[in-house]
Protein backbone atom coordinates (compact mmCIF):
# COMPACT_ATOMS: atom_id res chain seq x y z
CA MET A 1 0.14 0.08 0.00
CA LEU A 2 1.20 3.39 -0.92
CA SER A 3 2.24 5.47 1.95
CA LYS A 4 0.06 8.27 3.06
CA ARG A 5 3.04 10.98 2.34
CA PHE A 6 3.71 9.40 -1.30
CA ARG A 7 -0.15 9.73 -2.22
CA PHE A 8 -0.26 13.57 -1.27
CA VAL A 9 2.71 14.30 -3.75
CA LEU A 10 0.97 11.80 -5.96
CA PHE A 11 -1.99 14.11 -5.91
CA ALA A 12 -0.29 17.53 -5.48
CA LEU A 13 1.66 16.78 -9.15
CA ALA A 14 -1.66 15.24 -10.74
CA ALA A 15 -2.81 18.36 -9.43
CA THR A 16 -0.63 20.57 -10.79
CA LEU A 17 -0.28 18.84 -14.18
CA LEU A 18 -3.70 19.83 -14.95
CA THR A 19 -4.12 23.20 -13.56
CA VAL A 20 -1.04 23.11 -16.57
CA ALA A 21 -2.74 22.00 -18.80
CA TRP A 22 -5.87 23.18 -18.61
CA ALA A 23 -4.13 27.10 -18.25
CA GLN A 24 -2.88 26.29 -21.91
CA GLU A 25 -6.05 25.82 -23.01
CA ASN A 26 -7.65 28.14 -21.67
CA VAL A 27 -5.50 31.12 -21.13
CA SER A 28 -5.17 33.51 -24.59
CA GLY A 29 -2.26 34.03 -26.19
CA THR A 30 -0.62 36.51 -28.04
CA GLY A 31 -1.75 35.21 -30.88
CA ASP A 32 -5.48 34.45 -29.78
CA THR A 33 -4.78 38.44 -29.07
CA VAL A 34 -3.93 39.36 -31.94
CA VAL A 35 -7.18 37.81 -33.76
CA ARG A 36 -9.70 38.91 -31.79
CA GLU A 37 -8.89 42.37 -31.60
CA ALA A 38 -8.13 42.17 -35.17
CA ARG A 39 -11.47 40.18 -35.60
CA ALA A 40 -13.23 43.45 -33.38
CA HIS A 41 -11.62 46.45 -35.19
CA MET A 42 -12.86 44.63 -38.91
CA LEU A 43 -16.28 44.27 -37.36
CA ARG A 44 -16.24 47.79 -36.44
CA TYR A 45 -15.69 48.81 -39.47
CA VAL A 46 -18.50 46.83 -41.18
CA ALA A 47 -20.73 48.66 -38.97
CA LEU A 48 -19.28 52.22 -39.29
CA ALA A 49 -19.32 51.50 -43.28
CA ASN A 50 -23.14 50.37 -42.97
CA GLN A 51 -23.86 53.52 -41.25
CA GLU A 52 -21.86 55.53 -43.94
CA LYS A 53 -19.46 56.77 -41.37
CA THR A 54 -16.71 57.54 -43.94
CA GLU A 55 -14.86 60.72 -41.87
CA ILE A 56 -14.74 58.29 -38.80
CA ILE A 57 -13.38 55.09 -40.92
CA ALA A 58 -10.81 57.36 -42.41
CA GLU A 59 -9.48 58.27 -38.89
CA GLU A 60 -10.08 55.36 -37.12
CA ILE A 61 -10.10 52.42 -38.97
CA TYR A 62 -7.72 53.00 -41.21
CA GLU A 63 -4.00 54.72 -41.58
CA THR A 64 -1.99 56.58 -44.44
CA PRO A 65 -0.30 55.54 -46.42
CA ILE A 66 -2.58 52.70 -47.64
CA LEU A 67 -2.11 50.60 -50.55
CA MET A 68 -5.40 49.34 -52.12
CA ILE A 69 -6.12 47.11 -55.25
CA PRO A 70 -9.15 47.40 -56.86
CA PHE A 71 -11.32 44.63 -57.35
CA ASP A 72 -11.33 45.76 -61.01
CA ASN A 73 -7.96 45.85 -61.91
CA ALA A 74 -4.83 44.79 -60.59
CA GLN A 75 -3.78 48.19 -60.63
CA HIS A 76 -2.19 49.30 -56.73
CA ARG A 77 -2.55 52.65 -55.49
CA VAL A 78 -1.14 54.93 -52.77
CA GLN A 79 -3.23 56.81 -50.69
CA ASP A 80 -1.76 59.30 -48.85
CA SER A 81 -4.06 61.11 -46.72
CA ALA A 82 -7.04 60.59 -44.13
CA GLU A 83 -8.62 62.90 -46.58
CA GLN A 84 -7.52 61.64 -49.97
CA PHE A 85 -9.08 57.98 -48.70
CA ARG A 86 -12.13 59.85 -46.94
CA LYS A 87 -12.73 60.85 -51.01
CA GLY A 88 -12.05 57.50 -52.49
CA PHE A 89 -14.59 56.21 -49.80
CA ASP A 90 -17.24 58.26 -50.03
CA GLU A 91 -16.73 57.79 -54.15
CA HIS A 92 -17.65 54.99 -53.41
CA LEU A 93 -20.26 54.45 -51.57
CA ALA A 94 -21.77 56.75 -54.34
CA GLN A 95 -21.29 54.86 -57.04
CA LEU A 96 -22.89 51.97 -54.77
CA LYS A 97 -25.74 53.96 -53.98
CA ARG A 98 -26.41 54.60 -57.62
CA GLN A 99 -27.06 51.00 -57.81
CA ASN A 100 -29.56 51.01 -55.45
CA TRP A 101 -26.90 49.43 -52.66
CA LYS A 102 -28.23 49.32 -48.90
CA GLN A 103 -25.30 47.89 -46.71
CA PHE A 104 -22.39 45.19 -46.84
CA LYS A 105 -22.87 41.57 -45.68
CA LEU A 106 -20.46 40.00 -43.97
CA HIS A 107 -20.04 36.23 -44.78
CA ARG A 108 -16.85 35.65 -42.43
CA LEU A 109 -13.55 36.95 -40.90
CA ASP A 110 -10.36 34.75 -41.65
CA VAL A 111 -7.93 36.71 -39.43
CA ARG A 112 -4.55 34.85 -38.86
CA SER A 113 -2.00 36.50 -36.57
CA ALA A 114 1.45 37.06 -37.78
CA GLY A 115 3.20 38.50 -34.45
CA LYS A 116 1.57 41.11 -31.61
CA ASP A 117 1.31 43.95 -33.99
CA LEU A 118 0.16 42.50 -37.53
CA ALA A 119 -2.55 40.70 -39.09
CA PHE A 120 -4.04 39.37 -42.11
CA VAL A 121 -7.70 39.38 -42.70
CA ASP A 122 -9.75 37.95 -45.44
CA MET A 123 -13.19 39.67 -45.30
CA HIS A 124 -15.52 37.37 -46.92
CA PHE A 125 -19.10 39.46 -48.07
CA VAL A 126 -21.78 40.95 -49.93
CA TRP A 127 -23.22 44.61 -51.40
CA LEU A 128 -26.40 43.59 -51.19
CA LYS A 129 -29.09 46.31 -52.93
CA VAL A 130 -32.51 47.31 -50.78
CA ASP A 131 -34.10 44.00 -52.41
CA GLY A 132 -31.80 42.19 -51.08
CA LYS A 133 -29.90 41.45 -54.18
CA PRO A 134 -26.24 41.30 -54.62
CA ILE A 135 -24.32 43.98 -56.21
CA GLY A 136 -22.38 42.25 -58.80
CA PRO A 137 -20.67 38.79 -57.44
CA ASP A 138 -22.34 37.40 -54.30
CA HIS A 139 -19.33 36.02 -52.72
CA ARG A 140 -16.02 38.54 -52.65
CA VAL A 141 -13.23 38.63 -50.38
CA ALA A 142 -10.98 41.45 -49.38
CA SER A 143 -7.26 40.86 -48.14
CA TYR A 144 -6.54 42.94 -45.63
CA VAL A 145 -3.28 44.61 -43.74
CA LEU A 146 -3.70 45.19 -40.00
CA ALA A 147 -0.98 46.83 -37.93
CA LYS A 148 -1.28 48.04 -34.51
CA LYS A 149 -0.45 51.32 -33.81
CA LYS A 150 0.37 53.68 -30.97
CA ASN A 151 -3.63 54.27 -31.75
CA GLY A 152 -5.02 50.86 -32.17
CA TRP A 153 -5.56 48.92 -34.58
CA ARG A 154 -5.08 50.31 -38.34
CA ILE A 155 -5.59 48.75 -41.61
CA ILE A 156 -2.37 49.70 -43.68
CA ALA A 157 -3.09 47.75 -46.90
CA VAL A 158 -6.71 46.25 -48.62
CA MET A 159 -6.78 44.19 -51.76
CA GLY A 160 -9.71 43.57 -53.86
CA ASN A 161 -9.41 39.67 -54.68
CA ARG A 162 -11.21 38.72 -58.62
CA GLN A 163 -11.19 35.20 -58.62
CA ILE A 164 -13.70 33.77 -56.27
């Protein structure tokens, strides 16, 4: 039969190992935190876009200079100022409104951490008309690069993916 002291040591060891195993599964690591924060940033972006709050988007969601590649061609451009970006975003929304746009509908976000201050996001979405029908493809994917700055997470690059 095992001594009382030996059983206590076994119990303590087992309890310690179980605690460590639980902590590894249930405590968020840096990568989990980055994914959670980047996801929250992108959800806020979609909500602000649907409210047409382009000034807030230009100041609090993106940070210049911004590398941009549109959906319709592979020619990149760089937006050098928040004002330049806001004007471009306003023009984009105006173009969608001429097609009876109502909202951006998010299908899903694929978020990957690339360190404590960098994340990559693939946003799957559709532009919906007032009647609920899509403008263009019913499944678009845009890829974003987010960097954590002193003032929080910011989008520093966006690329519209043309093949889905």
